[in-house]
Amino acid sequence: MPGEPSGGLRAPTQPSLTLLPRLPPAVHRHGCPEEWTWDPRDCSPEVRLNGARLQTALFHPNWSNGTAGVRGTRSLNRHGAHYWEIHVQRRLFGTSMMFGIATKKARLHVDAFVNLLGEDEHSWGLSHKGMLWHGGRCRPYTRPFRENESTVVGVLYDAIQGTLTFYRDGVCLGIAFSGLHRVLGGLYPAVCSTAAKTEMTLGVTIRAFDSLEDRCRSAIARLLQQNDAIEKLPLPNRVKTDLRTLMQADGQRFSDEGARSLAEGVIACR
């Protein structure tokens, strides 16, 4: 939109990339798992994190007298696309339950019932009431979520295009925000809620490859099944470290047979 400020609100349209069936091919077919979760050191005191990966955020475990939020553990890569899903339990109600992204400057707690994501220039959010918020301003985006019904909210951040797109139960709602490539500083996934005893659980977290080397690392990781098999590969230590991180994110295991096959392939390519 001509003259639109950085991170401004934008009328809903379809993303420039074709959805197959729900996401751009770069993410859906050619992406890889991304390892991050909710950050226990970067959340409101009214947020409790549960689960093996701290993937479930419980807001206001006793009662609520304000708004609580939490950021993700990893900033979003500025060279590709990221997609994640948030599963909301049946307790979906209140002044505002929100999904979006935020810089480190965004507040995560306030003793008032507010739309916290998007209250200023440091965050961008979608409220369960169907409104988009940024810079303290809002506009309609989609129909309100049905209260007291579980739902899955998908978030697609395209760093190249500088856009943020939301999905609800697998349906693309269109581009919500643009100009995000001009934002200074890191951007982090974030959620918040005003309602007592509400839960949001992080589901799928994937990203597009940002280079040929990135794609090759992922291809190698898919063929391995045991952790110690990495040491059998004739690769630099830096690449081995990256492989271990990938395998933890993907939940896969390594095999000696796969390692031998890969080692032969690496040597043959030299």
Foldseek 3Di string as FASTA:
>chain_A
DPPADAFHWDAFDADPAQPPPQDHCLWPVAWAFDDKAWDPVFWDPQWDFDDPNSQKIWGNQDFFQWKIKIWMPDFDDLQWKKKWKKKWALQQDDDWKKWWKFFSPFDGIDRHYDHRAQCAQGGWIATLCQWTHHHNDIDHQDHHHDHSHMWMKMWMQGSVQQWIWIDIRRHTSGTTTHNNNVDPHTMTIMIMDRGHGIMMGIDTIIIGQRDPLSSVLLVLLVLFAALCLLVLAPDDPVSNVVSVNRCVSRVGGGDVVSSVVVNVVVVVVD
